[in-house]
C-alpha atoms as a PDB file:
ATOM      1  CA  MET A   1      -0.140 -39.211  -1.026  1.00  0.00           C
ATOM      2  CA  ALA A   2      -0.223 -38.278   2.649  1.00  0.00           C
ATOM      3  CA  VAL A   3      -0.341 -34.620   3.598  1.00  0.00           C
ATOM      4  CA  ASN A   4       1.178 -33.408   6.854  1.00  0.00           C
ATOM      5  CA  LYS A   5      -1.954 -31.766   8.165  1.00  0.00           C
ATOM      6  CA  VAL A   6      -2.214 -30.795  11.786  1.00  0.00           C
ATOM      7  CA  GLU A   7      -5.228 -28.938  13.065  1.00  0.00           C
ATOM      8  CA  ILE A   8      -4.713 -26.869  16.163  1.00  0.00           C
ATOM      9  CA  CYS A   9      -7.262 -24.456  17.599  1.00  0.00           C
ATOM     10  CA  GLY A  10      -9.370 -25.125  14.490  1.00  0.00           C
ATOM     11  CA  LEU A  11      -6.544 -23.931  12.236  1.00  0.00           C
ATOM     12  CA  ASP A  12      -5.205 -26.106   9.421  1.00  0.00           C
ATOM     13  CA  THR A  13      -1.484 -25.628   9.933  1.00  0.00           C
ATOM     14  CA  SER A  14      -0.623 -26.958   6.475  1.00  0.00           C
ATOM     15  CA  LYS A  15      -2.205 -23.828   4.983  1.00  0.00           C
ATOM     16  CA  LEU A  16      -0.319 -21.288   7.092  1.00  0.00           C
ATOM     17  CA  PRO A  17       1.707 -18.829   4.997  1.00  0.00           C
ATOM     18  CA  MET A  18       5.475 -18.646   5.391  1.00  0.00           C
ATOM     19  CA  MET A  19       7.186 -15.395   6.314  1.00  0.00           C
ATOM     20  CA  THR A  20      10.226 -14.335   4.328  1.00  0.00           C
ATOM     21  CA  TYR A  21      12.877 -11.963   5.636  1.00  0.00           C
ATOM     22  CA  GLU A  22      11.977  -9.344   3.019  1.00  0.00           C
ATOM     23  CA  ARG A  23       8.274  -9.566   3.880  1.00  0.00           C
ATOM     24  CA  SER A  24       9.093  -9.385   7.578  1.00  0.00           C
ATOM     25  CA  THR A  25      11.167  -6.233   7.112  1.00  0.00           C
ATOM     26  CA  GLU A  26       8.443  -4.600   5.010  1.00  0.00           C
ATOM     27  CA  LEU A  27       5.701  -5.390   7.523  1.00  0.00           C
ATOM     28  CA  LEU A  28       7.782  -4.345  10.543  1.00  0.00           C
ATOM     29  CA  LYS A  29       8.325  -0.946   8.948  1.00  0.00           C
ATOM     30  CA  LYS A  30       4.569  -0.549   8.448  1.00  0.00           C
ATOM     31  CA  ILE A  31       3.874  -1.747  11.991  1.00  0.00           C
ATOM     32  CA  SER A  32       6.298   0.827  13.407  1.00  0.00           C
ATOM     33  CA  GLU A  33       4.291   3.466  11.527  1.00  0.00           C
ATOM     34  CA  GLY A  34       1.098   2.279  13.243  1.00  0.00           C
ATOM     35  CA  ASP A  35      -0.416   0.107  10.495  1.00  0.00           C
ATOM     36  CA  GLU A  36      -2.808  -2.286  12.305  1.00  0.00           C
ATOM     37  CA  GLU A  37      -3.536  -4.328   9.170  1.00  0.00           C
ATOM     38  CA  ALA A  38       0.186  -4.993   8.714  1.00  0.00           C
ATOM     39  CA  ARG A  39       0.340  -6.073  12.376  1.00  0.00           C
ATOM     40  CA  ASP A  40      -2.503  -8.572  11.872  1.00  0.00           C
ATOM     41  CA  ILE A  41      -0.865  -9.944   8.725  1.00  0.00           C
ATOM     42  CA  PHE A  42       2.463 -10.207  10.538  1.00  0.00           C
ATOM     43  CA  ILE A  43       0.890 -12.197  13.362  1.00  0.00           C
ATOM     44  CA  LYS A  44      -0.857 -14.598  10.966  1.00  0.00           C
ATOM     45  CA  GLU A  45       2.284 -15.129   8.913  1.00  0.00           C
ATOM     46  CA  ASN A  46       4.334 -15.948  12.015  1.00  0.00           C
ATOM     47  CA  LEU A  47       2.034 -18.636  13.420  1.00  0.00           C
ATOM     48  CA  ARG A  48       4.457 -21.268  12.118  1.00  0.00           C
ATOM     49  CA  LEU A  49       7.010 -19.830  14.526  1.00  0.00           C
ATOM     50  CA  VAL A  50       4.584 -20.430  17.391  1.00  0.00           C
ATOM     51  CA  LEU A  51       4.095 -24.010  16.192  1.00  0.00           C
ATOM     52  CA  SER A  52       7.831 -24.645  16.082  1.00  0.00           C
ATOM     53  CA  VAL A  53       8.247 -23.400  19.656  1.00  0.00           C
ATOM     54  CA  ILE A  54       5.335 -25.363  21.130  1.00  0.00           C
ATOM     55  CA  GLN A  55       6.684 -28.590  19.633  1.00  0.00           C
ATOM     56  CA  ARG A  56       9.460 -28.386  22.232  1.00  0.00           C
ATOM     57  CA  PHE A  57       6.808 -28.755  24.922  1.00  0.00           C
ATOM     58  CA  SER A  58       4.922 -31.741  23.508  1.00  0.00           C
ATOM     59  CA  GLY A  59       4.738 -34.773  25.740  1.00  0.00           C
ATOM     60  CA  ARG A  60       4.611 -32.774  28.966  1.00  0.00           C
ATOM     61  CA  GLY A  61       0.912 -33.374  29.560  1.00  0.00           C
ATOM     62  CA  GLU A  62      -0.216 -29.945  28.377  1.00  0.00           C
ATOM     63  CA  GLN A  63      -2.898 -29.491  25.754  1.00  0.00           C
ATOM     64  CA  MET A  64      -1.276 -28.360  22.520  1.00  0.00           C
ATOM     65  CA  ASP A  65      -4.234 -26.057  21.772  1.00  0.00           C
ATOM     66  CA  ASP A  66      -3.634 -24.276  25.077  1.00  0.00           C
ATOM     67  CA  LEU A  67       0.086 -23.957  24.390  1.00  0.00           C
ATOM     68  CA  PHE A  68      -0.643 -22.613  20.917  1.00  0.00           C
ATOM     69  CA  GLN A  69      -2.931 -19.937  22.325  1.00  0.00           C
ATOM     70  CA  VAL A  70      -0.397 -18.963  24.986  1.00  0.00           C
ATOM     71  CA  GLY A  71       2.320 -18.960  22.319  1.00  0.00           C
ATOM     72  CA  CYS A  72       0.240 -16.572  20.214  1.00  0.00           C
ATOM     73  CA  ILE A  73       0.077 -14.225  23.203  1.00  0.00           C
ATOM     74  CA  GLY A  74       3.879 -14.412  23.418  1.00  0.00           C
ATOM     75  CA  LEU A  75       4.131 -13.616  19.704  1.00  0.00           C
ATOM     76  CA  ILE A  76       1.868 -10.581  20.078  1.00  0.00           C
ATOM     77  CA  LYS A  77       3.873  -9.354  23.081  1.00  0.00           C
ATOM     78  CA  ALA A  78       7.078  -9.797  21.078  1.00  0.00           C
ATOM     79  CA  ILE A  79       5.715  -7.756  18.185  1.00  0.00           C
ATOM     80  CA  ASN A  80       4.521  -5.035  20.551  1.00  0.00           C
ATOM     81  CA  SER A  81       7.897  -4.704  22.266  1.00  0.00           C
ATOM     82  CA  PHE A  82      10.264  -5.407  19.345  1.00  0.00           C
ATOM     83  CA  LYS A  83      12.678  -2.613  18.459  1.00  0.00           C
ATOM     84  CA  THR A  84      13.727  -2.553  14.815  1.00  0.00           C
ATOM     85  CA  ASP A  85      16.838  -0.509  15.585  1.00  0.00           C
ATOM     86  CA  LYS A  86      18.425  -3.417  17.480  1.00  0.00           C
ATOM     87  CA  ASN A  87      20.653  -5.822  15.591  1.00  0.00           C
ATOM     88  CA  ILE A  88      18.441  -8.885  16.132  1.00  0.00           C
ATOM     89  CA  LYS A  89      15.938 -10.756  13.989  1.00  0.00           C
ATOM     90  CA  LEU A  90      12.351 -10.732  15.156  1.00  0.00           C
ATOM     91  CA  ALA A  91      12.149 -14.533  14.905  1.00  0.00           C
ATOM     92  CA  THR A  92      14.986 -14.870  17.412  1.00  0.00           C
ATOM     93  CA  TYR A  93      13.434 -12.367  19.786  1.00  0.00           C
ATOM     94  CA  ALA A  94       9.895 -13.720  19.354  1.00  0.00           C
ATOM     95  CA  SER A  95      10.983 -17.331  19.924  1.00  0.00           C
ATOM     96  CA  ARG A  96      12.263 -16.380  23.372  1.00  0.00           C
ATOM     97  CA  CYS A  97       9.110 -14.378  24.156  1.00  0.00           C
ATOM     98  CA  ILE A  98       6.873 -17.270  23.072  1.00  0.00           C
ATOM     99  CA  GLU A  99       8.918 -19.771  25.067  1.00  0.00           C
ATOM    100  CA  ASN A 100       8.866 -17.557  28.170  1.00  0.00           C
ATOM    101  CA  GLU A 101       5.101 -17.075  27.923  1.00  0.00           C
ATOM    102  CA  ILE A 102       4.607 -20.849  27.678  1.00  0.00           C
ATOM    103  CA  LEU A 103       6.932 -21.512  30.624  1.00  0.00           C
ATOM    104  CA  MET A 104       5.024 -18.992  32.761  1.00  0.00           C
ATOM    105  CA  TYR A 105       1.758 -20.700  31.776  1.00  0.00           C
ATOM    106  CA  ILE A 106       3.115 -24.149  32.675  1.00  0.00           C
ATOM    107  CA  ARG A 107       4.404 -22.919  36.036  1.00  0.00           C
ATOM    108  CA  LYS A 108       1.087 -21.231  36.786  1.00  0.00           C
ATOM    109  CA  THR A 109      -1.030 -24.273  35.881  1.00  0.00           C
ATOM    110  CA  ALA A 110       1.308 -26.624  37.771  1.00  0.00           C
ATOM    111  CA  ASN A 111       0.671 -24.669  40.982  1.00  0.00           C
ATOM    112  CA  GLN A 112      -3.108 -24.943  40.723  1.00  0.00           C
END
């Protein structure tokens, strides 16, 4: 039986954990209280979100590893600036931040 395994940046994407809404809410509360371990867990459990965003940019001549790394920066920026009191899901907000970070990277590398 074939397994959908993709390795990006040395990471086996088939083994990435999935974030649930309840888990997300719990971790965001801890992050807002300054819990660095919760922040690290939150980042790791949202790497699938980065993968889903970078798939939109495949076939444009960019290295997927590079886009993944840039997408992770966008995810971290989203977590750092996310406000839990707004009526928006982090995944929605983070998707835009990841996409914007990737677009800035593509524009920057295109001009070099």
